[in-house]
Protein backbone atom coordinates (compact mmCIF):
# COMPACT_ATOMS: atom_id res chain seq x y z
CA MET A 1 -34.61 -4.68 104.07
CA VAL A 2 -35.99 -1.15 104.14
CA ALA A 3 -39.33 -2.42 102.80
CA ILE A 4 -39.44 -5.08 105.54
CA LEU A 5 -38.78 -2.44 108.19
CA LYS A 6 -41.56 -0.24 106.81
CA ARG A 7 -44.05 -3.13 106.93
CA PHE A 8 -42.97 -3.94 110.48
CA LEU A 9 -43.64 -0.33 111.57
CA ILE A 10 -47.06 -0.49 109.92
CA ALA A 11 -47.81 -3.73 111.82
CA GLU A 12 -46.82 -2.20 115.16
CA ARG A 13 -48.56 1.13 114.64
CA THR A 14 -51.83 -0.35 113.38
CA GLY A 15 -51.83 -3.51 115.52
CA ASP A 16 -51.82 -5.92 112.56
CA TRP A 17 -50.92 -9.27 114.15
CA LEU A 18 -50.50 -11.32 110.97
CA LEU A 19 -48.32 -8.63 109.35
CA HIS A 20 -46.28 -8.56 112.57
CA LEU A 21 -45.51 -12.28 112.27
CA SER A 22 -44.81 -12.22 108.53
CA THR A 23 -42.34 -9.32 108.76
CA LEU A 24 -40.48 -10.99 111.64
CA LYS A 25 -40.20 -14.12 109.52
CA GLU A 26 -38.76 -12.04 106.67
CA MET A 27 -36.20 -10.52 109.05
CA LEU A 28 -34.81 -13.88 110.18
CA PRO A 29 -32.43 -14.55 107.22
CA TYR A 30 -30.88 -11.08 107.48
CA LEU A 31 -30.40 -11.39 111.26
CA ALA A 32 -28.73 -14.78 110.82
CA ALA A 33 -26.51 -13.70 107.91
CA SER A 34 -25.25 -10.57 109.70
CA GLY A 35 -24.26 -12.44 112.88
CA HIS A 36 -27.02 -11.27 115.26
CA ASN A 37 -27.18 -14.74 116.77
CA LEU A 38 -29.21 -13.94 119.90
CA TYR A 39 -31.84 -12.08 117.88
CA THR A 40 -31.97 -14.96 115.41
CA LYS A 41 -32.39 -17.61 118.08
CA SER A 42 -34.98 -15.62 120.08
CA ALA A 43 -37.03 -14.60 117.03
CA TYR A 44 -36.98 -18.17 115.67
CA PHE A 45 -38.22 -19.58 119.00
CA TYR A 46 -40.84 -16.80 119.29
CA LEU A 47 -42.25 -17.45 115.81
CA SER A 48 -42.34 -21.19 116.50
CA GLN A 49 -44.52 -20.60 119.55
CA MET A 50 -46.78 -18.06 117.87
CA GLN A 51 -47.59 -20.49 115.03
CA ASN A 52 -49.48 -22.67 117.54
CA LEU A 53 -51.03 -19.81 119.49
CA GLU A 54 -54.48 -20.20 117.93
CA SER A 55 -54.78 -23.84 119.01
CA ASP A 56 -52.95 -23.57 122.34
CA HIS A 57 -54.41 -20.26 123.57
CA PRO A 58 -57.39 -19.25 121.38
CA ASP A 59 -58.47 -16.45 123.73
CA ILE A 60 -55.06 -14.73 123.56
CA HIS A 61 -54.96 -15.26 119.78
CA ALA A 62 -58.34 -13.55 119.46
CA HIS A 63 -57.09 -10.52 121.43
CA PHE A 64 -53.95 -10.31 119.28
CA MET A 65 -56.03 -10.51 116.10
CA ASN A 66 -57.96 -7.49 117.40
CA GLY A 67 -54.75 -5.51 117.62
CA LYS A 68 -54.05 -5.96 121.34
CA HIS A 69 -50.49 -7.25 120.96
CA VAL A 70 -49.44 -3.59 121.07
CA VAL A 71 -50.15 -0.86 123.62
CA ARG A 72 -52.32 2.14 122.80
CA ARG A 73 -52.41 5.33 124.84
CA SER A 74 -55.05 6.88 122.57
CA ASP A 75 -57.76 5.64 120.21
CA ARG A 76 -55.98 6.82 117.06
CA PHE A 77 -55.41 4.39 114.21
CA TRP A 78 -51.63 4.99 114.04
CA ALA A 79 -51.04 5.01 117.82
CA GLY A 80 -49.87 1.44 118.49
CA LEU A 81 -46.61 1.06 120.43
CA SER A 82 -44.51 -2.03 121.08
CA THR A 83 -44.58 -3.26 124.67
CA ASP A 84 -40.82 -2.94 125.17
CA LEU A 85 -40.98 0.65 123.93
CA VAL A 86 -43.76 1.48 126.39
CA ILE A 87 -41.87 -0.14 129.26
CA GLU A 88 -38.73 1.84 128.46
CA GLN A 89 -40.21 5.24 127.62
CA VAL A 90 -43.39 5.32 129.75
CA LEU A 91 -43.15 2.96 132.70
CA MET A 92 -39.46 3.50 133.43
CA ARG A 93 -39.86 7.24 133.02
CA SER A 94 -42.66 7.18 135.59
CA VAL A 95 -40.41 5.26 137.97
CA LYS A 96 -37.79 8.03 137.82
CA SER A 97 -40.12 11.06 137.74
CA THR A 98 -42.03 12.83 140.55
CA GLY A 99 -44.02 10.29 142.54
CA GLY A 100 -41.91 7.41 141.22
CA LEU A 101 -40.12 4.70 143.12
CA THR A 102 -36.76 6.46 143.00
CA ARG A 103 -38.14 9.49 144.88
CA GLY A 104 -37.87 8.07 148.40
CA ARG A 105 -40.36 5.22 148.13
CA GLY A 106 -37.75 2.45 147.79
CA MET A 107 -37.47 -0.43 145.32
CA GLY A 108 -38.54 -3.32 147.53
CA GLU A 109 -41.10 -5.93 146.48
CA VAL A 110 -43.89 -4.34 148.55
CA GLN A 111 -43.22 -0.84 147.22
CA ARG A 112 -43.11 -2.03 143.59
CA THR A 113 -46.37 -3.98 143.93
CA LEU A 114 -48.19 -1.10 145.62
CA TRP A 115 -46.96 1.42 143.08
CA LEU A 116 -47.92 -0.71 140.06
CA LEU A 117 -51.37 -1.63 141.36
CA SER A 118 -52.15 1.98 142.27
CA ILE A 119 -51.45 3.30 138.74
CA PRO A 120 -54.91 2.36 137.27
CA THR A 121 -56.69 3.93 140.25
CA LEU A 122 -54.64 7.11 139.99
CA ALA A 123 -55.40 7.24 136.26
CA GLU A 124 -59.14 7.19 137.07
CA TYR A 125 -58.66 10.03 139.57
CA ASN A 126 -56.72 12.00 136.97
CA HIS A 127 -59.43 11.51 134.35
CA ALA A 128 -62.17 12.54 136.83
CA MET A 129 -60.29 15.71 137.81
CA GLN A 130 -59.91 16.68 134.15
CA GLN A 131 -63.65 16.27 133.59
CA LEU A 132 -64.49 18.25 136.74
CA THR A 133 -62.20 21.17 135.89
CA GLY A 134 -62.81 21.04 132.13
CA THR A 135 -59.09 20.71 131.50
CA GLY A 136 -57.69 18.11 129.15
CA TYR A 137 -54.17 17.01 128.42
CA LYS A 138 -53.83 15.40 125.01
CA THR A 139 -51.83 15.57 121.84
CA SER A 140 -52.80 18.18 119.29
CA ASP A 141 -55.14 16.99 116.51
CA GLN A 142 -52.66 18.28 113.98
CA HIS A 143 -50.34 15.47 112.93
CA ILE A 144 -46.68 16.09 113.64
CA GLU A 145 -45.83 15.50 109.99
CA ASN A 146 -47.87 18.59 109.04
CA SER A 147 -46.14 20.97 111.45
CA LYS A 148 -44.02 23.80 110.10
CA THR A 149 -40.92 22.62 111.94
CA ARG A 150 -41.21 19.09 110.58
CA MET A 151 -41.73 20.32 107.02
CA GLU A 152 -38.64 22.55 107.26
CA ARG A 153 -36.65 19.61 108.58
CA ASP A 154 -37.88 17.33 105.79
CA ASN A 155 -36.93 19.94 103.19
CA LYS A 156 -33.45 20.28 104.71
CA ASP A 157 -32.99 16.50 104.74
CA SER A 158 -34.14 16.23 101.11
CA ASN A 159 -31.60 18.85 100.01
CA MET A 160 -28.89 17.06 102.00
CA LEU A 161 -29.73 13.75 100.30
CA THR A 162 -29.69 15.37 96.86
CA GLU A 163 -26.29 16.94 97.55
CA PHE A 164 -24.97 13.62 98.87
CA LEU A 165 -26.01 11.71 95.74
CA THR A 166 -24.62 14.47 93.51
CA GLU A 167 -21.16 14.09 95.07
CA ARG A 168 -21.30 10.27 95.09
CA ASN A 169 -23.36 9.37 92.05
CA PRO A 170 -24.28 5.66 92.28
CA PHE A 171 -25.78 5.62 88.76
CA THR A 172 -22.57 5.15 86.80
CA ASN A 173 -21.19 2.51 84.48
CA ASP A 174 -19.20 1.06 87.37
CA LYS A 175 -20.75 -2.36 88.09
CA THR A 176 -18.65 -3.17 91.15
CA LEU A 177 -20.19 -3.66 94.57
CA ARG A 178 -19.16 -0.61 96.56
CA ASN A 179 -20.12 1.67 99.41
CA ILE A 180 -21.05 5.07 97.96
CA GLU A 181 -20.44 6.75 101.34
CA THR A 182 -16.83 5.59 101.86
CA GLY A 183 -16.07 4.62 98.25
CA MET A 184 -14.85 1.19 99.40
CA VAL A 185 -15.03 -1.42 96.64
CA ALA A 186 -15.80 -5.02 97.61
CA ASP A 187 -13.38 -7.77 96.69
CA SER A 188 -14.29 -11.24 95.46
CA ASP A 189 -14.87 -12.55 99.02
CA ALA A 190 -17.53 -9.99 99.96
CA ASN A 191 -21.08 -11.32 99.59
CA ALA A 192 -23.19 -8.83 101.54
CA ASP A 193 -25.49 -8.52 98.54
CA GLU A 194 -26.38 -12.21 98.97
CA ALA A 195 -27.49 -11.84 102.60
CA LYS A 196 -30.95 -13.31 101.92
CA THR A 197 -29.55 -16.49 100.35
CA VAL A 198 -26.88 -16.92 103.03
CA GLY A 199 -29.41 -16.34 105.81
CA ASP A 200 -31.88 -18.84 104.37
CA LYS A 201 -29.20 -21.55 104.49
CA ILE A 202 -28.48 -20.78 108.15
CA ILE A 203 -32.19 -20.91 109.05
CA GLU A 204 -32.56 -24.24 107.25
CA SER A 205 -29.64 -25.67 109.24
CA ILE A 206 -31.25 -24.85 112.62
CA ALA A 207 -34.75 -26.05 111.71
CA GLY A 208 -35.96 -28.86 113.99
CA ASN A 209 -33.20 -28.39 116.61
CA LEU A 210 -33.69 -27.52 120.26
CA VAL A 211 -32.84 -23.94 121.21
CA SER A 212 -30.09 -25.15 123.55
CA GLU A 213 -28.50 -27.10 120.70
CA ILE A 214 -28.49 -24.28 118.13
CA SER A 215 -25.02 -22.94 117.35
CA PHE A 216 -23.81 -20.52 114.72
CA LYS A 217 -20.50 -20.47 112.87
CA LYS A 218 -18.88 -17.28 111.69
CA LYS A 219 -17.76 -18.87 108.43
CA ASP A 220 -21.44 -19.32 107.48
CA GLN A 221 -22.17 -15.58 107.81
CA ILE A 222 -21.78 -12.96 105.11
CA VAL A 223 -18.46 -11.24 104.50
CA THR A 224 -18.84 -7.46 104.61
CA LEU A 225 -16.98 -4.92 102.51
CA ASP A 226 -14.69 -3.74 105.31
CA ALA A 227 -13.92 -7.16 106.77
CA LYS A 228 -10.17 -7.47 107.30
CA ARG A 229 -8.76 -10.59 105.69
CA PRO A 230 -5.18 -11.80 105.37
CA SER A 231 -3.48 -10.92 102.12
CA GLY A 232 -4.10 -13.63 99.54
CA SER A 233 -7.01 -15.10 101.51
CA ASN A 234 -8.55 -16.51 98.35
CA ILE A 235 -5.57 -18.82 97.94
CA SER A 236 -5.63 -22.16 99.74
CA GLN A 237 -3.73 -21.84 103.01
CA GLN A 238 -0.57 -23.94 103.29
CA PRO A 239 0.83 -24.98 106.67
CA GLN A 240 3.61 -22.64 107.77
CA VAL A 241 6.90 -24.24 108.73
CA ASP A 242 9.60 -22.26 110.53
CA PRO A 243 12.87 -23.50 108.94
CA GLN A 244 14.92 -22.03 111.79
CA LEU A 245 12.96 -23.96 114.40
CA MET A 246 13.09 -27.12 112.27
CA PHE A 247 16.88 -26.75 111.97
CA GLN A 248 17.29 -26.40 115.74
CA ARG A 249 15.20 -29.48 116.43
CA LEU A 250 17.04 -31.60 113.86
CA THR A 251 20.46 -30.67 115.27
CA ALA A 252 19.23 -31.38 118.81
CA VAL A 253 18.03 -34.84 117.78
CA GLY A 254 21.15 -35.46 115.68
CA GLN A 255 23.50 -34.90 118.61
CA ASP A 256 22.02 -37.91 120.40
CA SER A 257 21.54 -40.22 117.40
CA LEU A 258 24.70 -39.55 115.36
CA ASN A 259 28.29 -40.11 116.32
CA ASN A 260 29.53 -37.36 114.05
CA THR A 261 27.35 -34.21 114.13
CA ALA A 262 29.37 -32.72 111.27
CA GLU A 263 27.66 -35.14 108.91
CA LEU A 264 24.43 -33.16 109.30
CA PHE A 265 26.00 -30.12 107.69
CA GLU A 266 26.71 -32.00 104.48
CA TYR A 267 23.06 -31.42 103.56
CA GLU A 268 20.95 -28.30 103.08
CA LEU A 269 19.03 -27.94 106.34
CA SER A 270 17.46 -24.49 105.80
CA SER A 271 15.57 -23.08 102.82
CA PHE A 272 17.02 -19.61 103.36
CA PRO A 273 19.88 -18.10 105.37
CA SER A 274 18.51 -17.02 108.76
CA SER A 275 21.03 -14.19 108.94
CA LEU A 276 19.29 -12.44 106.03
CA PHE A 277 15.61 -13.40 106.40
CA GLU A 278 13.05 -13.34 109.16
CA ALA A 279 10.91 -16.33 110.18
CA ASN A 280 7.97 -15.01 108.12
CA GLY A 281 10.09 -15.14 104.95
CA LEU A 282 10.61 -11.37 104.60
CA PRO A 283 14.14 -9.98 104.34
CA LYS A 284 15.42 -8.47 107.55
CA GLN A 285 15.26 -4.70 107.78
CA ALA A 286 18.41 -2.85 106.93
CA ALA A 287 20.30 -1.32 109.83
CA LYS A 288 20.35 2.15 108.30
CA ALA A 289 21.74 3.83 111.40
CA THR A 290 24.69 1.43 111.50
CA LEU A 291 25.32 1.95 107.78
CA ALA A 292 25.22 5.74 108.20
CA ASP A 293 27.74 5.60 111.05
CA ALA A 294 30.06 3.47 108.92
CA ILE A 295 29.86 5.94 106.03
CA TRP A 296 30.58 8.91 108.29
CA ASN A 297 33.60 7.10 109.79
CA ILE A 298 35.15 6.43 106.37
CA GLY A 299 36.55 9.91 106.11
CA ASP A 300 35.66 13.56 105.96
CA CYS A 301 31.94 13.70 105.12
CA GLN A 302 31.29 17.25 106.19
CA ALA A 303 28.95 19.19 103.92
CA GLN A 304 30.35 22.18 102.13
CA GLU A 305 28.75 25.57 102.53
CA LEU A 306 25.77 25.91 100.21
CA PRO A 307 25.28 29.02 98.10
CA GLU A 308 22.63 31.43 99.31
CA THR A 309 20.93 31.59 95.91
CA ASN A 310 19.66 29.03 93.38
CA ILE A 311 18.95 26.42 96.05
CA VAL A 312 16.57 23.65 94.96
CA HIS A 313 14.85 21.51 97.60
CA VAL A 314 14.20 17.94 96.45
CA ILE A 315 11.44 16.33 98.56
CA ASP A 316 10.88 12.60 98.90
CA GLY A 317 7.20 12.22 98.02
CA GLU A 318 6.61 9.00 99.98
CA SER A 319 8.02 10.50 103.17
CA LEU A 320 5.80 13.54 102.55
CA LEU A 321 2.79 11.26 102.02
CA TYR A 322 2.98 9.93 105.59
CA ARG A 323 4.02 13.21 107.22
CA ILE A 324 0.69 15.06 106.94
CA PRO A 325 -2.16 13.76 109.16
CA TRP A 326 -5.56 13.16 107.53
CA ILE A 327 -8.82 14.12 109.22
CA LYS A 328 -12.02 12.18 108.59
CA GLY A 329 -14.70 14.31 106.95
CA GLN A 330 -12.27 16.44 104.93
CA THR A 331 -12.41 16.05 101.17
CA PHE A 332 -9.42 14.66 99.29
CA SER A 333 -8.98 18.08 97.71
CA GLN A 334 -8.70 19.69 101.17
CA ILE A 335 -6.18 17.04 102.23
CA SER A 336 -4.11 17.81 99.13
CA ILE A 337 -4.14 21.53 99.95
CA LYS A 338 -2.62 20.69 103.35
CA TYR A 339 0.35 19.15 101.54
CA ILE A 340 0.74 22.29 99.43
CA ASP A 341 0.65 24.54 102.51
CA HIS A 342 3.25 22.34 104.22
CA ILE A 343 5.62 22.50 101.23
CA ARG A 344 5.31 26.26 100.66
CA LYS A 345 5.77 27.02 104.35
CA ARG A 346 9.04 25.08 104.70
CA PHE A 347 10.70 25.04 101.28
CA SER A 348 11.60 27.51 98.56
CA ASN A 349 11.79 26.41 94.92
CA PRO A 350 10.80 22.79 95.76
CA THR A 351 10.70 19.73 93.50
CA VAL A 352 8.64 16.79 94.73
CA VAL A 353 9.60 13.30 93.54
CA MET A 354 6.72 10.85 93.94
CA ASN A 355 7.07 7.08 93.74
CA GLY A 356 4.87 4.94 91.51
CA TYR A 357 2.86 2.02 92.89
CA ASN A 358 1.41 0.43 89.78
CA SER A 359 4.25 -2.06 89.25
CA SER A 360 6.74 -3.92 91.38
CA SER A 361 9.23 -1.79 93.26
CA THR A 362 12.29 -2.19 95.46
CA LYS A 363 10.04 -1.13 98.35
CA ASP A 364 7.47 -3.89 97.91
CA ILE A 365 8.85 -5.71 100.97
CA THR A 366 8.57 -2.52 103.04
CA HIS A 367 4.99 -2.01 101.89
CA LEU A 368 4.16 -5.63 102.74
CA ARG A 369 5.69 -5.27 106.19
CA ARG A 370 3.68 -2.08 106.82
CA SER A 371 0.44 -3.82 105.90
CA LYS A 372 1.15 -6.57 108.50
CA GLY A 373 -0.39 -9.08 106.13
CA ILE A 374 -3.78 -7.35 106.09
CA GLN A 375 -5.53 -6.81 102.77
CA SER A 376 -7.27 -3.45 102.30
CA ASN A 377 -10.16 -2.79 99.96
CA THR A 378 -10.02 -0.58 96.89
CA ILE A 379 -11.78 2.75 97.42
CA THR A 380 -13.39 4.76 94.64
CA PHE A 381 -12.97 8.47 95.36
CA THR A 382 -13.00 11.90 93.75
CA ARG A 383 -11.57 15.25 94.77
CA ASP A 384 -14.82 16.43 96.35
CA MET A 385 -15.52 13.18 98.21
CA PRO A 386 -14.89 13.27 101.98
CA LEU A 387 -12.57 10.79 103.65
CA ARG A 388 -14.52 8.15 105.60
CA VAL A 389 -11.79 5.65 106.53
CA LYS A 390 -8.53 5.82 108.42
CA LYS A 391 -5.48 7.05 106.55
CA GLU A 392 -3.58 3.82 107.34
CA THR A 393 -6.42 1.69 105.96
CA PHE A 394 -6.59 3.79 102.79
CA LEU A 395 -2.86 3.67 102.08
CA LEU A 396 -2.57 -0.09 102.68
CA ASN A 397 -4.06 -0.64 99.24
CA GLN A 398 -1.50 0.09 96.52
CA SER A 399 -4.21 1.01 94.01
CA ASN A 400 -5.64 3.63 96.40
CA LYS A 401 -2.18 5.04 97.02
CA GLN A 402 -1.35 5.23 93.30
CA ARG A 403 -4.58 7.04 92.40
CA PHE A 404 -4.14 9.47 95.29
CA VAL A 405 -0.56 10.17 94.20
CA GLU A 406 -1.76 10.86 90.64
CA MET A 407 -4.42 13.23 91.97
CA LEU A 408 -1.82 14.88 94.22
CA ILE A 409 0.52 15.40 91.27
CA ASP A 410 -2.25 17.07 89.25
CA ILE A 411 -3.10 19.42 92.13
CA PHE A 412 0.60 20.21 92.71
CA GLN A 413 0.99 21.15 89.05
CA GLU A 414 -2.14 23.31 89.20
CA HIS A 415 -0.47 25.24 92.04
CA SER A 416 2.86 25.55 90.15
CA ILE A 417 4.77 23.03 92.27
CA GLU A 418 7.21 21.01 90.15
CA THR A 419 6.56 17.29 90.54
CA ILE A 420 8.25 14.21 89.10
CA GLN A 421 6.82 10.70 89.34
CA ALA A 422 9.55 8.06 89.63
CA LYS A 423 8.90 4.37 89.11
CA GLU A 424 11.87 3.21 91.13
CA ASP A 425 14.17 4.58 93.82
CA ALA A 426 16.92 4.46 91.20
CA ASP A 427 15.07 7.17 89.27
CA LEU A 428 15.23 9.38 92.35
CA LEU A 429 18.96 8.77 92.71
CA PHE A 430 19.46 9.51 89.01
CA PHE A 431 17.54 12.78 89.40
CA LEU A 432 19.72 13.78 92.34
């Protein structure tokens, strides 16, 4: 894609008409695959017309072959500009500058026509005045790429690129498709690396159709790395049936068709007890506040006075994980230091108990409810890599959370903070 863009710039700058058409044709599959439907439809129609330009309008084709499909403001070889660029940066700028239509002339049809037709005449006057006074206004003969400022900027950008690739080395033994900027690893559904093949199929499907009849379907486009998909999207979707709603409808119908409604209850009418499970199949959340009130009302639950010395603070690692906000652009090492500062500022002699996320846990249902059914991608990261995604998106993936917890434990131990990794909540209770 970068090579196509370079060839397109060469075609526009040098006025190469045939290269202009060939590069646009190469762009079509990528435009179609990435969902730029209006660009795809317009470019396809444009190329279809330009293929017959030589036979339909030979005079215009001859001008275009001579490089006149672009605008030149000087006679330099590399000075061609696209017409839309000239309209936006030259013509529209003249409209809004001194002597333009927005400076008291008005924007009516007569004013626009007079202003446009007077521009060539005024250009001749301007050229004559420059010759008379011996004053010329033109770009320096020195190319901008050779200027000192541009060379310093290029050197700075080269060093920045080298530093970027050093921190996120793409030349590793890892063969997965991933984004080296964010570290996001593609799952089996992502096919952005097959954009050319996917786009070719879309172009073939619209060949021979009228422009008004061309339609695009999102399912035919590529799936990007960060596309949000429901959890388990690679499994065939089964129709969802709400047992509670089905039970209500059956009882309503049974009251009119059966003499004895009690006969209905001789059979199992629900696949799970509605008092314990929600309609989506997840167990209902525990009423912790109600349970706490019941415990306190059992008897005297007042805490005894704690000794002033030898106090050990036991910190729930998962609660700590969500307490500290993450800022995009900070490295994972800097984020970890924020946790250390938070612990040392508020606790003396602390012990952090972190949960494990590699295997099944009693909190799997809670994690699933937090994710809201959205599947997050795996992200490859190191300590010195900056965070490029939202904290919520990062922690939705259990693999990301586990590797971050392991890194956090190592950093805690390096800073002499006692840390225990528990596999289950029961381990935490046992420790207490």
